[in-house]
Amino acid sequence: MNRILLSTAAGIAALLSTAAMATAPEAKPLAPQTRANLEAAMRGEAYANLKYLRYAEQAEASGQPELAKLFRDSANIEANEHFDREAQALQLGGTNAANLEDAMAGEHYENLTMYIDFARQAEASGDVKVAAMFRQIAVDEGTHYDSYKAALAKLPTR
């Protein structure tokens, strides 16, 4: 589960870092600082969502179901209310093709650059297990890239 949470969080961060590529035009463009604040807020909400889900698992495992419910309920609000409202304000998303291209860009960066650099840095610091984890996640991100690329190729062209 930790690997899934980390991978999901990284995927969301990559998506947000390239969100401008897939956004639909609006009547009045957002000010650059407003856009940056929305993207930062969405990163925070996405991270909080996954972190609280992890905390809920730990609370459940320690025999604290009420605490687990509190964390799950909060996680739900972070993702399905806060993140969603911020994504709407940012106008995150576009056409299926644009969304796939944006997702491909994020996964490509994570696969070939981000996780490889993280692995090298962890290894240089002596954190060999984390370095191996980063390399394995890089492979997963390459698989995601390939899946998105295949889906893009199947979309009808106009």
Protein backbone atom coordinates (compact mmCIF):
# COMPACT_ATOMS: atom_id res chain seq x y z
CA MET A 1 0.00 0.00 0.00
CA ASN A 2 2.86 2.40 0.78
CA ARG A 3 4.20 1.95 -2.73
CA ILE A 4 0.76 2.65 -4.19
CA LEU A 5 0.35 5.76 -2.02
CA LEU A 6 3.79 7.08 -2.97
CA SER A 7 3.27 6.32 -6.64
CA THR A 8 -0.17 7.90 -6.62
CA ALA A 9 1.09 11.00 -4.83
CA ALA A 10 3.95 11.34 -7.28
CA GLY A 11 1.57 10.88 -10.21
CA ILE A 12 -0.69 13.59 -8.90
CA ALA A 13 2.26 15.91 -8.40
CA ALA A 14 3.42 15.27 -11.95
CA LEU A 15 -0.09 15.84 -13.27
CA LEU A 16 -0.31 19.13 -11.43
CA SER A 17 3.11 20.24 -12.60
CA THR A 18 1.91 19.98 -16.20
CA ALA A 19 -1.72 20.95 -15.59
CA ALA A 20 -1.48 24.04 -17.75
CA MET A 21 -1.03 21.87 -20.85
CA ALA A 22 -4.45 20.25 -20.49
CA THR A 23 -6.57 23.10 -19.20
CA ALA A 24 -9.50 24.42 -21.17
CA PRO A 25 -9.48 28.11 -22.03
CA GLU A 26 -11.71 30.36 -19.96
CA ALA A 27 -13.14 33.82 -20.58
CA LYS A 28 -10.67 35.54 -18.25
CA PRO A 29 -7.42 33.68 -17.61
CA LEU A 30 -6.40 33.21 -14.00
CA ALA A 31 -3.63 35.42 -12.68
CA PRO A 32 -0.31 33.53 -12.57
CA GLN A 33 -0.16 33.71 -8.76
CA THR A 34 -3.73 32.43 -8.45
CA ARG A 35 -2.90 29.52 -10.77
CA ALA A 36 0.24 28.74 -8.76
CA ASN A 37 -1.72 28.91 -5.50
CA LEU A 38 -4.40 26.55 -6.85
CA GLU A 39 -1.76 24.07 -8.00
CA ALA A 40 0.00 24.22 -4.59
CA ALA A 41 -3.32 23.81 -2.80
CA MET A 42 -4.22 20.80 -4.96
CA ARG A 43 -0.86 19.17 -4.26
CA GLY A 44 -1.49 19.67 -0.55
CA GLU A 45 -5.02 18.27 -0.71
CA ALA A 46 -3.91 15.24 -2.74
CA TYR A 47 -1.06 14.52 -0.34
CA ALA A 48 -3.30 14.97 2.70
CA ASN A 49 -5.87 12.59 1.19
CA LEU A 50 -3.34 9.80 0.70
CA LYS A 51 -1.59 10.48 4.01
CA TYR A 52 -4.89 10.32 5.92
CA LEU A 53 -5.80 7.06 4.19
CA ARG A 54 -2.46 5.66 5.36
CA TYR A 55 -3.16 6.91 8.89
CA ALA A 56 -6.58 5.26 8.73
CA GLU A 57 -4.96 1.92 7.87
CA GLN A 58 -2.60 2.28 10.81
CA ALA A 59 -5.44 3.23 13.16
CA GLU A 60 -7.50 0.26 11.97
CA ALA A 61 -4.53 -2.09 12.45
CA SER A 62 -4.04 -0.82 16.01
CA GLY A 63 -7.67 -1.52 16.88
CA GLN A 64 -8.93 2.07 16.67
CA PRO A 65 -11.85 1.94 14.17
CA GLU A 66 -13.27 5.30 15.27
CA LEU A 67 -9.94 6.99 14.61
CA ALA A 68 -9.69 5.18 11.27
CA LYS A 69 -13.14 6.52 10.33
CA LEU A 70 -12.09 10.07 11.26
CA PHE A 71 -9.05 9.83 9.00
CA ARG A 72 -11.08 8.30 6.12
CA ASP A 73 -13.79 10.94 6.43
CA SER A 74 -11.18 13.71 6.37
CA ALA A 75 -9.40 12.09 3.41
CA ASN A 76 -12.68 12.02 1.52
CA ILE A 77 -13.24 15.74 2.06
CA GLU A 78 -9.67 16.58 1.03
CA ALA A 79 -10.09 14.74 -2.30
CA ASN A 80 -13.76 14.95 -3.16
CA GLU A 81 -14.49 18.43 -1.96
CA HIS A 82 -11.35 20.55 -1.62
CA PHE A 83 -9.29 19.10 -4.48
CA ASP A 84 -12.34 18.89 -6.73
CA ARG A 85 -13.31 22.54 -6.16
CA GLU A 86 -9.74 23.68 -6.76
CA ALA A 87 -9.50 21.55 -9.92
CA GLN A 88 -12.69 23.15 -11.21
CA ALA A 89 -11.36 26.62 -10.48
CA LEU A 90 -8.13 25.76 -12.30
CA GLN A 91 -10.18 24.16 -15.09
CA LEU A 92 -7.98 21.09 -14.86
CA GLY A 93 -8.54 18.79 -17.79
CA GLY A 94 -9.28 19.19 -21.44
CA THR A 95 -9.96 16.87 -24.32
CA ASN A 96 -9.20 13.19 -23.92
CA ALA A 97 -6.22 13.60 -26.21
CA ALA A 98 -4.90 16.60 -24.26
CA ASN A 99 -5.41 14.77 -20.95
CA LEU A 100 -3.56 11.71 -22.25
CA GLU A 101 -0.72 13.85 -23.58
CA ASP A 102 -0.47 15.63 -20.24
CA ALA A 103 -0.47 12.33 -18.34
CA MET A 104 2.18 10.97 -20.71
CA ALA A 105 4.40 14.00 -20.08
CA GLY A 106 4.17 13.51 -16.33
CA GLU A 107 4.79 9.77 -16.46
CA HIS A 108 7.66 10.19 -18.93
CA TYR A 109 9.36 12.70 -16.61
CA GLU A 110 8.87 10.45 -13.58
CA ASN A 111 10.09 7.37 -15.48
CA LEU A 112 13.21 8.80 -17.08
CA THR A 113 14.22 11.68 -14.84
CA MET A 114 12.61 12.15 -11.45
CA TYR A 115 12.78 8.63 -10.00
CA ILE A 116 16.15 7.91 -11.58
CA ASP A 117 17.58 11.06 -9.97
CA PHE A 118 15.92 10.19 -6.66
CA ALA A 119 17.42 6.68 -6.81
CA ARG A 120 20.92 8.02 -7.49
CA GLN A 121 20.64 10.49 -4.63
CA ALA A 122 19.31 7.86 -2.21
CA GLU A 123 22.04 5.43 -3.20
CA ALA A 124 24.73 8.09 -2.79
CA SER A 125 23.38 8.72 0.72
CA GLY A 126 23.50 5.01 1.54
CA ASP A 127 19.73 4.53 1.41
CA VAL A 128 19.96 1.46 -0.81
CA LYS A 129 16.47 0.10 -0.12
CA VAL A 130 14.85 3.43 -0.96
CA ALA A 131 16.99 3.67 -4.11
CA ALA A 132 15.71 0.25 -5.21
CA MET A 133 12.14 1.34 -4.47
CA PHE A 134 12.58 4.48 -6.57
CA ARG A 135 13.94 2.41 -9.47
CA GLN A 136 10.99 0.02 -9.27
CA ILE A 137 8.53 2.92 -9.23
CA ALA A 138 10.32 4.39 -12.27
CA VAL A 139 9.52 1.16 -14.12
CA ASP A 140 5.86 1.45 -13.07
CA GLU A 141 5.76 5.00 -14.40
CA GLY A 142 7.14 3.78 -17.72
CA THR A 143 4.33 1.25 -17.86
CA HIS A 144 1.81 4.02 -17.20
CA TYR A 145 3.37 6.08 -20.00
CA ASP A 146 3.08 3.15 -22.41
CA SER A 147 -0.57 2.58 -21.43
CA TYR A 148 -1.46 6.23 -21.98
CA LYS A 149 0.40 6.26 -25.29
CA ALA A 150 -1.53 3.19 -26.46
CA ALA A 151 -4.82 4.77 -25.37
CA LEU A 152 -3.94 7.97 -27.26
CA ALA A 153 -3.22 5.97 -30.42
CA LYS A 154 -6.70 4.38 -30.18
CA LEU A 155 -8.57 7.68 -29.93
CA PRO A 156 -10.50 8.65 -33.04
CA THR A 157 -8.85 11.48 -34.93
CA ARG A 158 -10.77 14.49 -36.11
